[in-house]
Amino acid sequence: MREQAESRDAVWERRTELPLFYASLVFLAGYAVRVLVNEAYPLWRDIATSLVLVTWLCFIVDFLVRLVLSRQRPRRFVRAHWLDALVVLLPTLRPLRMVKVHDAIEARHHDRPRRSLYPRVITYAGLSSVLLGFSGSLGMYHVEHTDPQSPIRTFWDAVWCVCQTLTTVGYGDVAPVTAEGRLIAVGLMIFGLGLLGAVTGSFSSWLIQVFRREGEDEGPSGDGRSPGAPRK
């Protein structure tokens, strides 16, 4: 059986990946309400705060359970699962686990992913960019809009700033001025370069593969016949 061959922490991670992904969406929705709804609606803000705390607790419990099941020393476990530890500290980075989420969805119906490598990479990068961009916009708006010197006054200003940062365009018309906002921008720059490189590299490799396959089908003579094939 597959579950007997897997370690206990691997079985736990596979079973909880999808529920925790849904919990991360609830966390993101609660955080969005907490940031975007003004103080005139205290009830909504209190509900959103409760959702954020509950889902954050779920992430912490999951990390501790996996630590216990792995039977590793805490320092070694954190070093081997540094991204998971980072997600526990900053749950808005949960979209970076999109690869495991996608594979968990595929594993429910198939033994292996149905699509080839290149579409999978583009899908991962696209979904990660959308969720990470939305999370970064919320964080940017949260720390910037109260500063009188910041040009980011609305949530859409934050979205525009994050789009410039993720795509490495950088017009410079809207930029963070607070230390927290600049730290968020630095993180988005790093992840943006990685995502952009993954998509560009995968697309280029896919094009090369297509052109090579077409060249092999056409043959050296360019008439679609293999070498040595008799002419009619």
C-alpha atoms as a PDB file:
ATOM      1  CA  MET A   1       0.000   0.000   0.000  1.00  0.00           C
ATOM      2  CA  ARG A   2       1.143   3.528  -0.781  1.00  0.00           C
ATOM      3  CA  GLU A   3       0.379   4.872   2.711  1.00  0.00           C
ATOM      4  CA  GLN A   4       2.486   2.091   4.308  1.00  0.00           C
ATOM      5  CA  ALA A   5       5.465   2.995   2.103  1.00  0.00           C
ATOM      6  CA  GLU A   6       5.188   6.677   3.018  1.00  0.00           C
ATOM      7  CA  SER A   7       6.344   8.129   6.284  1.00  0.00           C
ATOM      8  CA  ARG A   8       3.742   9.329   8.738  1.00  0.00           C
ATOM      9  CA  ASP A   9       4.557  12.984   8.225  1.00  0.00           C
ATOM     10  CA  ALA A  10       4.294  12.537   4.424  1.00  0.00           C
ATOM     11  CA  VAL A  11       0.852  10.932   4.801  1.00  0.00           C
ATOM     12  CA  TRP A  12      -0.240  13.767   7.086  1.00  0.00           C
ATOM     13  CA  GLU A  13       1.028  16.391   4.638  1.00  0.00           C
ATOM     14  CA  ARG A  14      -0.722  14.744   1.689  1.00  0.00           C
ATOM     15  CA  ARG A  15      -4.019  14.515   3.539  1.00  0.00           C
ATOM     16  CA  THR A  16      -3.969  18.047   4.918  1.00  0.00           C
ATOM     17  CA  GLU A  17      -2.605  19.923   1.889  1.00  0.00           C
ATOM     18  CA  LEU A  18      -5.995  20.660   0.342  1.00  0.00           C
ATOM     19  CA  PRO A  19      -7.815  21.539   3.613  1.00  0.00           C
ATOM     20  CA  LEU A  20      -4.976  23.890   4.529  1.00  0.00           C
ATOM     21  CA  PHE A  21      -5.121  25.459   1.085  1.00  0.00           C
ATOM     22  CA  TYR A  22      -8.808  26.199   1.619  1.00  0.00           C
ATOM     23  CA  ALA A  23      -7.912  27.530   5.071  1.00  0.00           C
ATOM     24  CA  SER A  24      -5.357  29.825   3.445  1.00  0.00           C
ATOM     25  CA  LEU A  25      -8.080  31.227   1.191  1.00  0.00           C
ATOM     26  CA  VAL A  26     -10.216  31.874   4.290  1.00  0.00           C
ATOM     27  CA  PHE A  27      -7.210  33.547   5.915  1.00  0.00           C
ATOM     28  CA  LEU A  28      -6.688  35.717   2.857  1.00  0.00           C
ATOM     29  CA  ALA A  29     -10.377  36.674   2.745  1.00  0.00           C
ATOM     30  CA  GLY A  30     -10.376  37.535   6.446  1.00  0.00           C
ATOM     31  CA  TYR A  31      -7.198  39.558   6.086  1.00  0.00           C
ATOM     32  CA  ALA A  32      -8.684  41.408   3.108  1.00  0.00           C
ATOM     33  CA  VAL A  33     -11.797  42.330   5.086  1.00  0.00           C
ATOM     34  CA  ARG A  34      -9.650  43.342   8.055  1.00  0.00           C
ATOM     35  CA  VAL A  35      -7.575  45.663   5.856  1.00  0.00           C
ATOM     36  CA  LEU A  36     -10.161  47.060   3.455  1.00  0.00           C
ATOM     37  CA  VAL A  37     -13.218  47.516   5.680  1.00  0.00           C
ATOM     38  CA  ASN A  38     -13.049  50.761   7.586  1.00  0.00           C
ATOM     39  CA  GLU A  39     -13.656  51.156  11.299  1.00  0.00           C
ATOM     40  CA  ALA A  40     -17.313  52.049  10.741  1.00  0.00           C
ATOM     41  CA  TYR A  41     -18.071  48.316  10.565  1.00  0.00           C
ATOM     42  CA  PRO A  42     -16.581  46.885  13.780  1.00  0.00           C
ATOM     43  CA  LEU A  43     -18.580  43.638  13.601  1.00  0.00           C
ATOM     44  CA  TRP A  44     -17.144  42.694  10.204  1.00  0.00           C
ATOM     45  CA  ARG A  45     -13.665  43.568  11.355  1.00  0.00           C
ATOM     46  CA  ASP A  46     -14.055  41.414  14.483  1.00  0.00           C
ATOM     47  CA  ILE A  47     -15.306  38.453  12.417  1.00  0.00           C
ATOM     48  CA  ALA A  48     -12.428  38.852   9.992  1.00  0.00           C
ATOM     49  CA  THR A  49      -9.925  39.033  12.846  1.00  0.00           C
ATOM     50  CA  SER A  50     -11.339  35.824  14.327  1.00  0.00           C
ATOM     51  CA  LEU A  51     -11.039  34.025  10.987  1.00  0.00           C
ATOM     52  CA  VAL A  52      -7.451  35.170  10.611  1.00  0.00           C
ATOM     53  CA  LEU A  53      -6.499  33.955  14.089  1.00  0.00           C
ATOM     54  CA  VAL A  54      -8.260  30.589  13.739  1.00  0.00           C
ATOM     55  CA  THR A  55      -6.739  29.777  10.366  1.00  0.00           C
ATOM     56  CA  TRP A  56      -3.322  30.958  11.521  1.00  0.00           C
ATOM     57  CA  LEU A  57      -3.645  28.567  14.472  1.00  0.00           C
ATOM     58  CA  CYS A  58      -4.394  25.755  11.993  1.00  0.00           C
ATOM     59  CA  PHE A  59      -1.113  26.452  10.183  1.00  0.00           C
ATOM     60  CA  ILE A  60       0.826  26.420  13.461  1.00  0.00           C
ATOM     61  CA  VAL A  61      -0.772  23.157  14.601  1.00  0.00           C
ATOM     62  CA  ASP A  62      -0.053  21.541  11.223  1.00  0.00           C
ATOM     63  CA  PHE A  63       3.603  22.541  11.412  1.00  0.00           C
ATOM     64  CA  LEU A  64       3.975  21.202  14.964  1.00  0.00           C
ATOM     65  CA  VAL A  65       2.242  17.908  14.108  1.00  0.00           C
ATOM     66  CA  ARG A  66       4.536  17.392  11.136  1.00  0.00           C
ATOM     67  CA  LEU A  67       7.518  18.169  13.350  1.00  0.00           C
ATOM     68  CA  VAL A  68       6.464  15.513  15.873  1.00  0.00           C
ATOM     69  CA  LEU A  69       5.661  12.896  13.208  1.00  0.00           C
ATOM     70  CA  SER A  70       8.977  13.417  11.442  1.00  0.00           C
ATOM     71  CA  ARG A  71      10.917  12.547  14.644  1.00  0.00           C
ATOM     72  CA  GLN A  72      13.589  15.026  13.645  1.00  0.00           C
ATOM     73  CA  ARG A  73      15.254  17.658  15.709  1.00  0.00           C
ATOM     74  CA  PRO A  74      13.483  21.021  15.414  1.00  0.00           C
ATOM     75  CA  ARG A  75      16.496  22.752  13.885  1.00  0.00           C
ATOM     76  CA  ARG A  76      16.984  20.046  11.271  1.00  0.00           C
ATOM     77  CA  PHE A  77      13.270  19.970  10.454  1.00  0.00           C
ATOM     78  CA  VAL A  78      13.079  23.746  10.033  1.00  0.00           C
ATOM     79  CA  ARG A  79      16.182  23.714   7.834  1.00  0.00           C
ATOM     80  CA  ALA A  80      14.659  21.014   5.620  1.00  0.00           C
ATOM     81  CA  HIS A  81      11.233  22.714   5.528  1.00  0.00           C
ATOM     82  CA  TRP A  82      12.227  26.371   5.583  1.00  0.00           C
ATOM     83  CA  LEU A  83       9.414  27.381   3.229  1.00  0.00           C
ATOM     84  CA  ASP A  84       6.813  25.816   5.531  1.00  0.00           C
ATOM     85  CA  ALA A  85       8.328  27.646   8.496  1.00  0.00           C
ATOM     86  CA  LEU A  86       8.197  30.902   6.538  1.00  0.00           C
ATOM     87  CA  VAL A  87       4.544  30.282   5.675  1.00  0.00           C
ATOM     88  CA  VAL A  88       3.749  29.773   9.366  1.00  0.00           C
ATOM     89  CA  LEU A  89       5.320  33.140  10.176  1.00  0.00           C
ATOM     90  CA  LEU A  90       3.737  34.867   7.155  1.00  0.00           C
ATOM     91  CA  PRO A  91       0.599  32.962   6.068  1.00  0.00           C
ATOM     92  CA  THR A  92       0.100  35.342   3.140  1.00  0.00           C
ATOM     93  CA  LEU A  93       3.003  33.479   1.475  1.00  0.00           C
ATOM     94  CA  ARG A  94       0.940  30.283   1.355  1.00  0.00           C
ATOM     95  CA  PRO A  95       0.527  30.628  -2.466  1.00  0.00           C
ATOM     96  CA  LEU A  96       4.196  29.652  -2.772  1.00  0.00           C
ATOM     97  CA  ARG A  97       3.087  26.089  -1.980  1.00  0.00           C
ATOM     98  CA  MET A  98       0.947  26.052  -5.113  1.00  0.00           C
ATOM     99  CA  VAL A  99       3.014  23.238  -6.625  1.00  0.00           C
ATOM    100  CA  LYS A 100       2.128  20.844  -3.809  1.00  0.00           C
ATOM    101  CA  VAL A 101      -1.486  21.971  -3.849  1.00  0.00           C
ATOM    102  CA  HIS A 102      -1.810  21.259  -7.572  1.00  0.00           C
ATOM    103  CA  ASP A 103      -0.172  17.839  -7.207  1.00  0.00           C
ATOM    104  CA  ALA A 104      -2.489  17.009  -4.288  1.00  0.00           C
ATOM    105  CA  ILE A 105      -5.520  17.802  -6.455  1.00  0.00           C
ATOM    106  CA  GLU A 106      -4.171  15.663  -9.305  1.00  0.00           C
ATOM    107  CA  ALA A 107      -3.344  12.796  -6.929  1.00  0.00           C
ATOM    108  CA  ARG A 108      -6.995  12.440  -5.972  1.00  0.00           C
ATOM    109  CA  HIS A 109      -7.864  11.300  -9.484  1.00  0.00           C
ATOM    110  CA  HIS A 110      -4.602  10.220 -11.083  1.00  0.00           C
ATOM    111  CA  ASP A 111      -1.354   8.571 -10.090  1.00  0.00           C
ATOM    112  CA  ARG A 112       0.625  11.320 -11.792  1.00  0.00           C
ATOM    113  CA  PRO A 113      -0.090  14.768 -13.249  1.00  0.00           C
ATOM    114  CA  ARG A 114      -1.963  14.634 -16.541  1.00  0.00           C
ATOM    115  CA  ARG A 115      -0.245  17.590 -18.175  1.00  0.00           C
ATOM    116  CA  SER A 116       3.355  17.872 -19.287  1.00  0.00           C
ATOM    117  CA  LEU A 117       5.986  19.848 -17.466  1.00  0.00           C
ATOM    118  CA  TYR A 118       5.734  23.122 -19.385  1.00  0.00           C
ATOM    119  CA  PRO A 119       1.972  23.748 -18.945  1.00  0.00           C
ATOM    120  CA  ARG A 120       2.299  22.791 -15.288  1.00  0.00           C
ATOM    121  CA  VAL A 121       5.067  25.330 -14.680  1.00  0.00           C
ATOM    122  CA  ILE A 122       3.094  28.078 -16.422  1.00  0.00           C
ATOM    123  CA  THR A 123      -0.022  27.163 -14.408  1.00  0.00           C
ATOM    124  CA  TYR A 124       1.889  27.174 -11.126  1.00  0.00           C
ATOM    125  CA  ALA A 125       3.523  30.497 -11.903  1.00  0.00           C
ATOM    126  CA  GLY A 126       0.253  32.091 -13.021  1.00  0.00           C
ATOM    127  CA  LEU A 127      -1.747  31.043  -9.973  1.00  0.00           C
ATOM    128  CA  SER A 128       1.105  31.907  -7.626  1.00  0.00           C
ATOM    129  CA  SER A 129       1.463  35.348  -9.211  1.00  0.00           C
ATOM    130  CA  VAL A 130      -2.245  36.141  -8.807  1.00  0.00           C
ATOM    131  CA  LEU A 131      -2.480  35.015  -5.175  1.00  0.00           C
ATOM    132  CA  LEU A 132       0.895  36.451  -4.201  1.00  0.00           C
ATOM    133  CA  GLY A 133       0.090  39.727  -5.946  1.00  0.00           C
ATOM    134  CA  PHE A 134      -3.217  40.025  -4.108  1.00  0.00           C
ATOM    135  CA  SER A 135      -1.548  39.235  -0.788  1.00  0.00           C
ATOM    136  CA  GLY A 136       1.227  41.729  -1.476  1.00  0.00           C
ATOM    137  CA  SER A 137      -1.293  44.411  -2.423  1.00  0.00           C
ATOM    138  CA  LEU A 138      -3.131  43.937   0.854  1.00  0.00           C
ATOM    139  CA  GLY A 139       0.088  44.103   2.832  1.00  0.00           C
ATOM    140  CA  MET A 140       1.349  47.117   0.896  1.00  0.00           C
ATOM    141  CA  TYR A 141      -1.893  49.006   1.380  1.00  0.00           C
ATOM    142  CA  HIS A 142      -2.051  48.071   5.071  1.00  0.00           C
ATOM    143  CA  VAL A 143       1.371  49.533   5.916  1.00  0.00           C
ATOM    144  CA  GLU A 144       1.413  52.445   3.469  1.00  0.00           C
ATOM    145  CA  HIS A 145      -1.955  54.190   3.343  1.00  0.00           C
ATOM    146  CA  THR A 146      -1.668  55.656   6.864  1.00  0.00           C
ATOM    147  CA  ASP A 147       1.669  57.349   6.116  1.00  0.00           C
ATOM    148  CA  PRO A 148       1.062  60.946   4.944  1.00  0.00           C
ATOM    149  CA  GLN A 149       4.190  60.884   2.741  1.00  0.00           C
ATOM    150  CA  SER A 150       3.212  57.708   0.895  1.00  0.00           C
ATOM    151  CA  PRO A 151       1.701  57.996  -2.608  1.00  0.00           C
ATOM    152  CA  ILE A 152      -0.266  54.799  -1.945  1.00  0.00           C
ATOM    153  CA  ARG A 153      -3.607  56.169  -0.764  1.00  0.00           C
ATOM    154  CA  THR A 154      -6.021  53.513  -2.076  1.00  0.00           C
ATOM    155  CA  PHE A 155      -5.973  49.754  -2.505  1.00  0.00           C
ATOM    156  CA  TRP A 156      -5.754  50.183  -6.285  1.00  0.00           C
ATOM    157  CA  ASP A 157      -2.608  52.257  -5.834  1.00  0.00           C
ATOM    158  CA  ALA A 158      -1.159  49.277  -3.976  1.00  0.00           C
ATOM    159  CA  VAL A 159      -2.271  46.898  -6.749  1.00  0.00           C
ATOM    160  CA  TRP A 160      -0.590  49.111  -9.354  1.00  0.00           C
ATOM    161  CA  CYS A 161       2.608  49.244  -7.315  1.00  0.00           C
ATOM    162  CA  VAL A 162       2.643  45.455  -6.830  1.00  0.00           C
ATOM    163  CA  CYS A 163       2.017  44.815 -10.542  1.00  0.00           C
ATOM    164  CA  GLN A 164       4.998  47.012 -11.414  1.00  0.00           C
ATOM    165  CA  THR A 165       7.132  45.175  -8.866  1.00  0.00           C
ATOM    166  CA  LEU A 166       6.160  41.616  -9.830  1.00  0.00           C
ATOM    167  CA  THR A 167       6.649  42.271 -13.534  1.00  0.00           C
ATOM    168  CA  THR A 168       9.933  44.142 -12.832  1.00  0.00           C
ATOM    169  CA  VAL A 169       8.674  47.126 -14.878  1.00  0.00           C
ATOM    170  CA  GLY A 170       9.083  49.727 -12.147  1.00  0.00           C
ATOM    171  CA  TYR A 171       7.675  52.977 -13.542  1.00  0.00           C
ATOM    172  CA  GLY A 172       8.448  54.670 -10.242  1.00  0.00           C
ATOM    173  CA  ASP A 173       5.271  56.778 -10.129  1.00  0.00           C
ATOM    174  CA  VAL A 174       4.005  54.830  -7.079  1.00  0.00           C
ATOM    175  CA  ALA A 175       6.556  53.448  -4.618  1.00  0.00           C
ATOM    176  CA  PRO A 176       6.480  52.508  -0.924  1.00  0.00           C
ATOM    177  CA  VAL A 177       8.109  54.847   1.580  1.00  0.00           C
ATOM    178  CA  THR A 178       7.775  52.913   4.840  1.00  0.00           C
ATOM    179  CA  ALA A 179      10.296  50.288   5.933  1.00  0.00           C
ATOM    180  CA  GLU A 180       7.609  47.580   5.997  1.00  0.00           C
ATOM    181  CA  GLY A 181       6.359  48.508   2.530  1.00  0.00           C
ATOM    182  CA  ARG A 182       9.860  48.444   1.061  1.00  0.00           C
ATOM    183  CA  LEU A 183      10.482  45.055   2.690  1.00  0.00           C
ATOM    184  CA  ILE A 184       7.325  43.731   1.015  1.00  0.00           C
ATOM    185  CA  ALA A 185       8.507  45.206  -2.289  1.00  0.00           C
ATOM    186  CA  VAL A 186      11.889  43.492  -1.966  1.00  0.00           C
ATOM    187  CA  GLY A 187      10.196  40.138  -1.389  1.00  0.00           C
ATOM    188  CA  LEU A 188       7.940  40.676  -4.394  1.00  0.00           C
ATOM    189  CA  MET A 189      10.959  41.577  -6.533  1.00  0.00           C
ATOM    190  CA  ILE A 190      12.703  38.339  -5.620  1.00  0.00           C
ATOM    191  CA  PHE A 191       9.675  36.141  -6.184  1.00  0.00           C
ATOM    192  CA  GLY A 192       8.695  38.106  -9.280  1.00  0.00           C
ATOM    193  CA  LEU A 193      12.068  37.461 -10.897  1.00  0.00           C
ATOM    194  CA  GLY A 194      11.788  33.774 -10.053  1.00  0.00           C
ATOM    195  CA  LEU A 195       8.259  33.425 -11.428  1.00  0.00           C
ATOM    196  CA  LEU A 196       9.066  35.430 -14.549  1.00  0.00           C
ATOM    197  CA  GLY A 197      12.172  33.342 -15.163  1.00  0.00           C
ATOM    198  CA  ALA A 198      10.232  30.096 -14.712  1.00  0.00           C
ATOM    199  CA  VAL A 199       7.535  31.119 -17.182  1.00  0.00           C
ATOM    200  CA  THR A 200       9.980  32.528 -19.750  1.00  0.00           C
ATOM    201  CA  GLY A 201      12.283  29.518 -19.546  1.00  0.00           C
ATOM    202  CA  SER A 202       9.431  27.015 -19.800  1.00  0.00           C
ATOM    203  CA  PHE A 203       7.851  28.817 -22.734  1.00  0.00           C
ATOM    204  CA  SER A 204      11.183  29.016 -24.558  1.00  0.00           C
ATOM    205  CA  SER A 205      11.881  25.319 -23.951  1.00  0.00           C
ATOM    206  CA  TRP A 206       8.409  24.433 -25.180  1.00  0.00           C
ATOM    207  CA  LEU A 207       8.908  26.434 -28.384  1.00  0.00           C
ATOM    208  CA  ILE A 208      12.290  24.782 -29.002  1.00  0.00           C
ATOM    209  CA  GLN A 209      10.704  21.371 -28.460  1.00  0.00           C
ATOM    210  CA  VAL A 210       7.898  22.173 -30.922  1.00  0.00           C
ATOM    211  CA  PHE A 211      10.297  23.453 -33.593  1.00  0.00           C
ATOM    212  CA  ARG A 212      12.571  20.437 -33.153  1.00  0.00           C
ATOM    213  CA  ARG A 213       9.619  18.055 -33.492  1.00  0.00           C
ATOM    214  CA  GLU A 214       8.430  19.848 -36.639  1.00  0.00           C
ATOM    215  CA  GLY A 215      11.927  19.663 -38.075  1.00  0.00           C
ATOM    216  CA  GLU A 216      12.122  15.935 -37.409  1.00  0.00           C
ATOM    217  CA  ASP A 217       8.705  15.399 -39.020  1.00  0.00           C
ATOM    218  CA  GLU A 218       9.681  17.324 -42.160  1.00  0.00           C
ATOM    219  CA  GLY A 219      13.004  15.555 -42.567  1.00  0.00           C
ATOM    220  CA  PRO A 220      16.231  17.007 -44.034  1.00  0.00           C
ATOM    221  CA  SER A 221      14.683  17.602 -47.447  1.00  0.00           C
ATOM    222  CA  GLY A 222      11.811  19.628 -45.992  1.00  0.00           C
ATOM    223  CA  ASP A 223       9.189  17.614 -47.893  1.00  0.00           C
ATOM    224  CA  GLY A 224       7.985  15.535 -44.948  1.00  0.00           C
ATOM    225  CA  ARG A 225       9.839  12.346 -46.034  1.00  0.00           C
ATOM    226  CA  SER A 226      12.452  10.624 -43.976  1.00  0.00           C
ATOM    227  CA  PRO A 227      15.970  10.270 -45.421  1.00  0.00           C
ATOM    228  CA  GLY A 228      16.183   7.590 -48.098  1.00  0.00           C
ATOM    229  CA  ALA A 229      12.439   7.452 -48.728  1.00  0.00           C
ATOM    230  CA  PRO A 230      11.671   6.870 -52.437  1.00  0.00           C
ATOM    231  CA  ARG A 231      10.181   9.741 -54.407  1.00  0.00           C
ATOM    232  CA  LYS A 232       6.914   9.201 -56.247  1.00  0.00           C
END
